[in-house]
Amino acid sequence: MFDLASEFAPMEPIIKSRRGLGDLDSYAIERAKALLKARRIASGDSPVPQTALELCSELGVLTADGSLSVAAEILFMSPLHGRTVVRHLLRDVPGGEPKATEISAPLITALEQVRSLINANASQEIARVHLSNGQEFAIPSFPATAVDESVSNAFAHRDWGATNAIVIDQSPINLVVWSPGSLPVGVSAENLLTTQSVPRNPILMGALRRLGLAEESSRGFDRMWASMLSSGRQAPDLRADGPFVEVNLPAGRVDTHFIKALSVLRAEFGETIFNSVNGLLVTRHLANNKILTASTASRLMQVPESQAQHTLDWYVSEGFLEQLRDAPEWILSAKARAAFGDKESAAISAVTTEDWIVAQLREGKALNAREVADELGVERESVSELLRHLRDLGKARIAPDSPKRGPSVRWIAT
């Protein structure tokens, strides 16, 4: 038995399939030709290959002697022994008994079939947004781009050496995509928005890119995140702490107020900022919190703190953000705050986290680092550091009846 995973190790020779041309699925071949033709028409390129062998050559899934590779087998042949490639679970109610659909087909057609199943049950409107310019549009259960990226990633990056099927669990409140195999080499939950990964399946990935089923950057997480945020939802939940990757797209309660504000911001500051995942992460954070610190921005953008500061400085130059004096802290500009139409937000004083803490202590309040972090939307470690700094300056001390360490410590003015 060949080792599917071994074919896709970098710099290894392409492994020859034990199956032949007669095992190629004619429908899968025709669907691939149609995809390639659409790509060629859009780019004005040359005609598509006519035969299955020419198609496989064009997609780079032949061995050096012109034989079919395992990648060609995965793309265009039905799995042996009817093995399930992807399982779709549809639940009418959260946690209810699912209706299961098992798909045993070549990758090309399995991907097409499961997308149809998802779309047939995810297109219902869950909100309708009326914008200030008179336009209105419906919000579906799940953003199409987020769905496409999560499913495409599962097929492109899964461990094809594992016998487990991809599992897609769909209910009215979430869409969970479970893919066998860990994240690609070089990718972790802390850098998946920014890193360029080494694909587990480079031959297969190359073919999917040529067909337009995978992006050149070999990651779709940033587009997935941007799609969810721009549709008024939270970012996806990701689990990658085992031999699998699980992406959870919550339908959630759509924040129509945020969508309307985003429309105003696009008109005021242009599309560029808000077409990027970084701009959306910053906007989403500051829609819910008073202040954005450099450390929080670094965590959200998944970049070094210095790089996050450069990005935030550019937003300042565009008039979208304001920096609080010389502190590494930013707030929405007055024009940006006005987009949210919230008088309280529009009246935010340009005070730093330290200023705010000192003012609260002067008013006789006892502060807890976690509560302050939640109130201002900053990192708890930064608040704790500031409180210790104020203690050193003689402006704060731990309350007599408070624990001396730990998350329950409360601080008061000296």
Protein backbone atom coordinates (compact mmCIF):
# COMPACT_ATOMS: atom_id res chain seq x y z
CA MET A 1 0.00 0.00 0.00
CA PHE A 2 1.47 3.37 -0.95
CA ASP A 3 1.87 6.12 1.61
CA LEU A 4 -0.24 9.06 0.45
CA ALA A 5 1.49 11.42 2.84
CA SER A 6 4.93 10.57 1.47
CA GLU A 7 4.10 11.94 -1.96
CA PHE A 8 3.68 15.39 -0.54
CA ALA A 9 6.93 15.70 1.40
CA PRO A 10 8.94 18.63 -0.04
CA MET A 11 11.69 17.68 -2.54
CA GLU A 12 10.49 14.04 -2.64
CA PRO A 13 9.80 12.43 -6.05
CA ILE A 14 6.17 12.30 -7.14
CA ILE A 15 4.70 8.91 -6.24
CA LYS A 16 3.10 6.94 -9.04
CA SER A 17 -0.49 5.79 -8.60
CA ARG A 18 -1.18 2.05 -8.82
CA ARG A 19 -4.30 2.83 -10.83
CA GLY A 20 -4.56 3.68 -14.51
CA LEU A 21 -6.30 5.92 -17.01
CA GLY A 22 -9.37 3.69 -16.99
CA ASP A 23 -9.97 4.60 -13.34
CA LEU A 24 -10.31 8.33 -14.06
CA ASP A 25 -13.83 9.60 -13.44
CA SER A 26 -15.12 11.20 -16.64
CA TYR A 27 -17.38 13.67 -14.84
CA ALA A 28 -14.53 14.83 -12.59
CA ILE A 29 -12.35 15.35 -15.67
CA GLU A 30 -15.05 17.38 -17.41
CA ARG A 31 -15.63 19.52 -14.30
CA ALA A 32 -11.90 20.24 -14.10
CA LYS A 33 -11.87 21.23 -17.78
CA ALA A 34 -14.78 23.57 -17.16
CA LEU A 35 -12.97 25.20 -14.23
CA LEU A 36 -9.80 25.59 -16.26
CA LYS A 37 -11.76 26.99 -19.22
CA ALA A 38 -13.38 29.62 -17.00
CA ARG A 39 -9.95 30.63 -15.76
CA ARG A 40 -8.57 30.79 -19.31
CA ILE A 41 -11.47 32.89 -20.60
CA ALA A 42 -11.01 35.37 -17.74
CA SER A 43 -7.29 35.73 -18.49
CA GLY A 44 -7.51 35.51 -22.28
CA ASP A 45 -5.15 32.54 -22.22
CA SER A 46 -4.87 29.53 -24.54
CA PRO A 47 -7.50 26.77 -24.93
CA VAL A 48 -7.85 24.01 -22.36
CA PRO A 49 -6.46 20.49 -22.87
CA GLN A 50 -8.75 18.06 -24.68
CA THR A 51 -7.75 14.68 -23.23
CA ALA A 52 -7.57 13.50 -19.63
CA LEU A 53 -3.84 12.86 -19.92
CA GLU A 54 -3.23 16.35 -21.34
CA LEU A 55 -5.26 17.80 -18.47
CA CYS A 56 -3.22 15.92 -15.87
CA SER A 57 -0.01 17.09 -17.55
CA GLU A 58 -1.25 20.68 -17.51
CA LEU A 59 -2.07 20.39 -13.81
CA GLY A 60 1.34 18.91 -12.97
CA VAL A 61 0.02 15.63 -11.59
CA LEU A 62 2.00 13.23 -13.80
CA THR A 63 5.22 11.51 -12.78
CA ALA A 64 8.48 12.00 -14.69
CA ASP A 65 7.69 9.05 -16.99
CA GLY A 66 4.18 10.38 -17.75
CA SER A 67 2.27 8.07 -15.41
CA LEU A 68 -0.60 9.20 -13.21
CA SER A 69 0.45 10.30 -9.73
CA VAL A 70 -1.33 9.83 -6.42
CA ALA A 71 -2.36 13.50 -6.67
CA ALA A 72 -4.16 12.68 -9.95
CA GLU A 73 -5.81 9.75 -8.20
CA ILE A 74 -7.08 11.96 -5.39
CA LEU A 75 -8.37 14.59 -7.81
CA PHE A 76 -10.00 12.41 -10.45
CA MET A 77 -10.62 8.88 -9.15
CA SER A 78 -13.32 7.53 -6.87
CA PRO A 79 -11.80 6.31 -3.57
CA LEU A 80 -11.14 2.59 -3.33
CA HIS A 81 -13.68 0.46 -1.45
CA GLY A 82 -16.15 3.37 -1.38
CA ARG A 83 -14.16 5.19 1.32
CA THR A 84 -15.92 8.36 2.48
CA VAL A 85 -14.06 11.54 1.54
CA VAL A 86 -16.36 14.01 3.27
CA ARG A 87 -19.30 13.61 5.63
CA HIS A 88 -21.93 16.38 5.85
CA LEU A 89 -24.04 16.51 9.02
CA LEU A 90 -27.13 18.71 8.91
CA ARG A 91 -28.91 19.52 12.17
CA ASP A 92 -32.31 21.23 12.12
CA VAL A 93 -31.76 22.40 15.71
CA PRO A 94 -28.47 22.93 17.60
CA GLY A 95 -27.37 19.63 19.11
CA GLY A 96 -30.16 17.75 17.36
CA GLU A 97 -29.87 14.41 15.59
CA PRO A 98 -28.07 15.07 12.30
CA LYS A 99 -29.02 14.00 8.80
CA ALA A 100 -25.78 12.52 7.50
CA THR A 101 -24.67 12.55 3.87
CA GLU A 102 -21.60 10.46 3.02
CA ILE A 103 -19.72 11.48 -0.11
CA SER A 104 -17.33 9.04 -1.76
CA ALA A 105 -16.07 10.75 -4.90
CA PRO A 106 -12.97 12.29 -6.49
CA LEU A 107 -11.86 15.50 -4.80
CA ILE A 108 -13.15 17.67 -7.66
CA THR A 109 -16.71 16.39 -7.45
CA ALA A 110 -16.72 15.80 -3.67
CA LEU A 111 -15.87 19.47 -3.14
CA GLU A 112 -18.63 20.51 -5.55
CA GLN A 113 -21.22 18.25 -3.91
CA VAL A 114 -20.54 19.31 -0.33
CA ARG A 115 -20.59 23.00 -1.28
CA SER A 116 -24.03 22.47 -2.83
CA LEU A 117 -25.25 20.77 0.35
CA ILE A 118 -23.99 23.63 2.52
CA ASN A 119 -25.38 26.36 0.28
CA ALA A 120 -28.79 24.70 0.05
CA ASN A 121 -29.08 24.97 3.83
CA ALA A 122 -27.21 28.22 4.50
CA SER A 123 -28.76 30.68 2.08
CA GLN A 124 -31.69 31.66 4.25
CA GLU A 125 -31.74 35.31 5.27
CA ILE A 126 -31.13 35.95 8.96
CA ALA A 127 -30.94 39.76 8.83
CA ARG A 128 -31.54 42.62 6.42
CA VAL A 129 -29.47 45.80 6.60
CA HIS A 130 -30.73 49.18 5.39
CA LEU A 131 -27.83 51.56 4.77
CA SER A 132 -27.92 55.34 5.00
CA ASN A 133 -27.41 55.63 1.23
CA GLY A 134 -30.69 53.84 0.59
CA GLN A 135 -29.18 50.48 -0.27
CA GLU A 136 -30.25 47.32 1.50
CA PHE A 137 -28.95 43.80 1.42
CA ALA A 138 -29.70 40.46 3.02
CA ILE A 139 -27.33 38.70 5.41
CA PRO A 140 -27.25 34.90 4.93
CA SER A 141 -26.64 32.40 7.71
CA PHE A 142 -22.94 32.19 6.87
CA PRO A 143 -20.82 34.46 4.62
CA ALA A 144 -20.14 32.72 1.30
CA THR A 145 -16.43 33.61 1.28
CA ALA A 146 -15.90 32.22 4.79
CA VAL A 147 -17.67 28.99 3.86
CA ASP A 148 -15.73 28.58 0.61
CA GLU A 149 -12.38 29.26 2.27
CA SER A 150 -12.98 26.93 5.22
CA VAL A 151 -14.12 24.05 3.00
CA SER A 152 -11.43 24.59 0.34
CA ASN A 153 -8.74 24.73 3.03
CA ALA A 154 -9.98 21.45 4.49
CA PHE A 155 -9.58 19.67 1.13
CA ALA A 156 -6.33 21.36 0.14
CA HIS A 157 -4.49 21.02 3.44
CA ARG A 158 -5.87 17.81 4.93
CA ASP A 159 -3.65 14.81 5.54
CA TRP A 160 -4.57 12.53 2.64
CA GLY A 161 -2.60 9.74 4.29
CA ALA A 162 -5.23 9.58 7.04
CA THR A 163 -8.31 7.42 6.49
CA ASN A 164 -10.60 9.83 8.36
CA ALA A 165 -13.11 11.81 6.34
CA ILE A 166 -13.49 15.58 6.38
CA VAL A 167 -16.55 16.30 8.54
CA ILE A 168 -18.78 19.35 8.06
CA ASP A 169 -21.31 19.83 10.86
CA GLN A 170 -23.98 22.39 9.97
CA SER A 171 -26.72 23.76 12.21
CA PRO A 172 -28.72 27.01 12.31
CA ILE A 173 -26.14 28.58 14.66
CA ASN A 174 -22.78 27.36 13.37
CA LEU A 175 -20.84 25.62 10.64
CA VAL A 176 -17.97 23.45 11.85
CA VAL A 177 -15.38 22.10 9.41
CA TRP A 178 -13.17 19.29 10.75
CA SER A 179 -10.13 18.30 8.71
CA PRO A 180 -7.72 15.41 9.40
CA GLY A 181 -4.13 16.53 9.93
CA SER A 182 -2.52 19.39 11.79
CA LEU A 183 -1.98 22.91 10.43
CA PRO A 184 0.55 23.19 7.56
CA VAL A 185 4.25 23.40 8.40
CA GLY A 186 5.12 26.79 9.87
CA VAL A 187 1.52 27.70 10.75
CA SER A 188 0.10 27.99 14.27
CA ALA A 189 -3.01 29.55 15.76
CA GLU A 190 -0.84 32.56 16.63
CA ASN A 191 0.35 33.31 13.07
CA LEU A 192 -2.21 31.83 10.70
CA LEU A 193 -3.31 35.27 9.45
CA THR A 194 0.14 36.32 8.34
CA THR A 195 2.50 33.43 7.72
CA GLN A 196 3.26 31.88 4.35
CA SER A 197 3.02 28.15 4.95
CA VAL A 198 4.69 25.18 3.30
CA PRO A 199 1.71 23.12 2.08
CA ARG A 200 1.49 19.51 3.17
CA ASN A 201 0.33 18.59 -0.35
CA PRO A 202 2.41 20.72 -2.77
CA ILE A 203 1.56 18.71 -5.92
CA LEU A 204 -2.13 18.68 -5.12
CA MET A 205 -2.03 22.33 -4.06
CA GLY A 206 -0.42 23.32 -7.35
CA ALA A 207 -3.21 21.62 -9.30
CA LEU A 208 -5.92 23.23 -7.17
CA ARG A 209 -4.36 26.65 -7.74
CA ARG A 210 -4.34 26.15 -11.49
CA LEU A 211 -8.03 25.23 -11.30
CA GLY A 212 -8.83 28.28 -9.17
CA LEU A 213 -9.80 26.16 -6.15
CA ALA A 214 -6.98 27.42 -3.93
CA GLU A 215 -5.22 30.76 -3.61
CA GLU A 216 -1.59 31.40 -4.52
CA SER A 217 -0.82 32.45 -0.95
CA SER A 218 -1.78 28.91 0.18
CA ARG A 219 -3.82 30.28 3.06
CA GLY A 220 -7.39 31.48 3.24
CA PHE A 221 -7.62 32.30 6.92
CA ASP A 222 -7.26 36.06 6.39
CA ARG A 223 -10.10 36.08 3.84
CA MET A 224 -12.18 33.89 6.17
CA TRP A 225 -11.64 36.30 9.06
CA ALA A 226 -12.38 39.37 6.92
CA SER A 227 -15.59 37.83 5.58
CA MET A 228 -16.91 37.06 9.06
CA LEU A 229 -15.99 40.45 10.52
CA SER A 230 -17.36 42.50 7.63
CA SER A 231 -20.70 40.69 7.91
CA GLY A 232 -21.11 41.87 11.50
CA ARG A 233 -19.96 38.71 13.25
CA GLN A 234 -17.05 37.63 15.37
CA ALA A 235 -13.95 35.97 13.93
CA PRO A 236 -14.06 32.18 13.49
CA ASP A 237 -13.07 29.87 16.32
CA LEU A 238 -10.08 27.65 15.54
CA ARG A 239 -8.90 24.45 17.23
CA ALA A 240 -5.61 22.96 16.13
CA ASP A 241 -4.28 21.34 19.30
CA GLY A 242 -4.51 17.77 18.02
CA PRO A 243 -4.06 15.74 14.82
CA PHE A 244 -6.83 17.75 13.17
CA VAL A 245 -7.92 21.30 12.41
CA GLU A 246 -11.40 22.47 13.35
CA VAL A 247 -12.84 25.77 12.13
CA ASN A 248 -16.12 26.97 13.63
CA LEU A 249 -18.05 29.69 11.81
CA PRO A 250 -20.71 31.06 14.17
CA ALA A 251 -23.84 32.44 12.54
CA GLY A 252 -24.34 34.43 15.70
CA ARG A 253 -26.45 37.52 16.15
CA VAL A 254 -25.46 39.80 13.30
CA ASP A 255 -24.35 43.25 14.46
CA THR A 256 -26.26 45.35 11.94
CA HIS A 257 -25.12 48.54 13.69
CA PHE A 258 -21.50 47.61 12.93
CA ILE A 259 -22.32 46.86 9.28
CA LYS A 260 -24.00 50.26 8.90
CA ALA A 261 -21.06 52.01 10.56
CA LEU A 262 -18.65 50.13 8.30
CA SER A 263 -20.52 51.43 5.26
CA VAL A 264 -20.14 55.01 6.53
CA LEU A 265 -16.45 54.44 7.28
CA ARG A 266 -15.84 53.12 3.77
CA ALA A 267 -17.46 56.24 2.30
CA GLU A 268 -15.49 58.53 4.63
CA PHE A 269 -12.02 56.92 4.49
CA GLY A 270 -12.09 54.79 1.35
CA GLU A 271 -12.29 51.05 0.83
CA THR A 272 -8.62 50.18 1.38
CA ILE A 273 -8.55 50.09 5.17
CA PHE A 274 -11.73 48.07 5.50
CA ASN A 275 -10.97 45.55 2.76
CA SER A 276 -8.09 44.27 4.87
CA VAL A 277 -8.35 41.89 7.80
CA ASN A 278 -6.19 44.24 9.91
CA GLY A 279 -8.50 47.21 9.34
CA LEU A 280 -11.52 45.11 10.22
CA LEU A 281 -9.89 43.69 13.36
CA VAL A 282 -9.01 47.20 14.54
CA THR A 283 -12.47 48.54 13.74
CA ARG A 284 -14.22 45.62 15.44
CA HIS A 285 -12.08 46.04 18.56
CA LEU A 286 -12.63 49.80 18.83
CA ALA A 287 -16.35 49.42 18.19
CA ASN A 288 -16.50 47.50 21.47
CA ASN A 289 -13.64 49.07 23.45
CA LYS A 290 -12.39 52.56 24.22
CA ILE A 291 -8.67 52.02 23.60
CA LEU A 292 -6.40 49.88 21.42
CA THR A 293 -2.90 49.31 22.76
CA ALA A 294 0.09 48.30 20.68
CA SER A 295 0.25 44.94 22.47
CA THR A 296 -3.41 44.21 21.73
CA ALA A 297 -2.97 45.26 18.09
CA SER A 298 0.04 42.97 17.84
CA ARG A 299 -1.99 40.03 19.11
CA LEU A 300 -4.97 40.79 16.85
CA MET A 301 -2.88 41.28 13.70
CA GLN A 302 -0.49 38.44 14.59
CA VAL A 303 2.57 40.57 13.84
CA PRO A 304 5.43 41.94 15.97
CA GLU A 305 4.48 44.95 18.09
CA SER A 306 6.70 47.28 16.06
CA GLN A 307 4.94 46.26 12.85
CA ALA A 308 1.54 46.73 14.46
CA GLN A 309 2.56 50.25 15.53
CA HIS A 310 3.59 51.12 11.97
CA THR A 311 0.19 49.96 10.72
CA LEU A 312 -1.63 51.97 13.36
CA ASP A 313 0.49 55.04 12.55
CA TRP A 314 -0.60 54.70 8.91
CA TYR A 315 -4.23 54.63 10.04
CA VAL A 316 -3.52 57.85 11.94
CA SER A 317 -2.12 59.44 8.77
CA GLU A 318 -5.37 58.44 7.02
CA GLY A 319 -7.41 60.19 9.72
CA PHE A 320 -8.99 56.96 10.93
CA LEU A 321 -7.23 56.73 14.31
CA GLU A 322 -5.76 59.13 16.87
CA GLN A 323 -2.80 58.32 19.09
CA LEU A 324 -3.11 59.22 22.76
CA ARG A 325 -0.27 61.65 23.36
CA ASP A 326 3.02 59.70 23.25
CA ALA A 327 1.57 56.52 24.72
CA PRO A 328 1.39 53.35 22.58
CA GLU A 329 -2.41 53.61 22.62
CA TRP A 330 -4.93 54.58 19.95
CA ILE A 331 -8.62 55.49 19.70
CA LEU A 332 -10.96 56.08 16.78
CA SER A 333 -10.74 59.60 15.38
CA ALA A 334 -13.68 61.94 15.89
CA LYS A 335 -14.83 61.32 12.28
CA ALA A 336 -14.58 57.57 12.76
CA ARG A 337 -16.47 57.66 16.07
CA ALA A 338 -19.22 59.68 14.45
CA ALA A 339 -19.80 56.81 12.01
CA PHE A 340 -21.13 54.73 14.89
CA GLY A 341 -23.67 57.42 15.77
CA ASP A 342 -23.09 56.82 19.46
CA LYS A 343 -22.99 60.00 21.54
CA GLU A 344 -21.12 58.27 24.31
CA SER A 345 -18.49 56.98 21.87
CA ALA A 346 -18.24 60.38 20.18
CA ALA A 347 -17.55 62.01 23.52
CA ILE A 348 -14.65 59.76 24.55
CA SER A 349 -11.90 61.81 26.13
CA ALA A 350 -8.48 61.29 24.63
CA VAL A 351 -6.99 59.89 27.84
CA THR A 352 -4.46 57.12 28.13
CA THR A 353 -5.03 53.96 30.12
CA GLU A 354 -2.79 55.36 32.84
CA ASP A 355 -4.75 58.63 32.94
CA TRP A 356 -8.02 56.71 33.22
CA ILE A 357 -6.71 54.50 36.04
CA VAL A 358 -5.35 57.50 38.00
CA ALA A 359 -8.68 59.32 37.60
CA GLN A 360 -10.61 56.31 38.89
CA LEU A 361 -8.29 55.91 41.87
CA ARG A 362 -8.66 59.61 42.73
CA GLU A 363 -12.40 59.11 42.83
CA GLY A 364 -11.87 56.50 45.53
CA LYS A 365 -12.57 53.43 43.44
CA ALA A 366 -10.87 50.10 44.02
CA LEU A 367 -9.60 48.64 40.75
CA ASN A 368 -8.97 45.11 39.60
CA ALA A 369 -6.66 44.60 36.61
CA ARG A 370 -9.01 42.20 34.86
CA GLU A 371 -12.01 44.51 35.27
CA VAL A 372 -10.04 47.48 33.96
CA ALA A 373 -8.84 45.44 30.98
CA ASP A 374 -12.43 44.42 30.19
CA GLU A 375 -13.68 48.01 30.54
CA LEU A 376 -11.05 49.55 28.26
CA GLY A 377 -10.38 46.62 25.95
CA VAL A 378 -6.67 46.41 26.73
CA GLU A 379 -4.39 43.56 27.77
CA ARG A 380 -4.64 42.57 31.46
CA GLU A 381 -0.85 42.25 31.68
CA SER A 382 -0.50 45.88 30.55
CA VAL A 383 -2.94 47.03 33.24
CA SER A 384 -1.10 45.06 35.92
CA GLU A 385 2.19 46.61 34.80
CA LEU A 386 0.69 50.11 34.97
CA LEU A 387 -0.69 49.50 38.46
CA ARG A 388 2.73 48.32 39.66
CA HIS A 389 4.27 51.40 38.03
CA LEU A 390 1.79 53.64 39.89
CA ARG A 391 2.67 51.81 43.11
CA ASP A 392 6.34 52.61 42.53
CA LEU A 393 5.37 56.27 41.99
CA GLY A 394 3.44 56.26 45.27
CA LYS A 395 0.07 56.75 43.54
CA ALA A 396 -1.47 53.31 44.13
CA ARG A 397 -1.35 50.46 46.63
CA ILE A 398 -3.01 47.11 47.17
CA ALA A 399 -6.15 47.44 49.30
CA PRO A 400 -5.68 46.16 52.87
CA ASP A 401 -8.48 43.60 52.58
CA SER A 402 -7.36 42.38 49.13
CA PRO A 403 -5.33 39.28 48.29
CA LYS A 404 -1.69 40.23 47.79
CA ARG A 405 -1.33 38.43 44.48
CA GLY A 406 -3.39 36.70 41.84
CA PRO A 407 -6.34 37.75 39.67
CA SER A 408 -8.42 39.06 42.60
CA VAL A 409 -5.96 41.77 43.70
CA ARG A 410 -7.66 45.16 44.13
CA TRP A 411 -5.84 48.48 44.05
CA ILE A 412 -6.67 51.80 45.69
CA ALA A 413 -5.10 55.25 45.79
CA THR A 414 -2.39 55.91 48.36
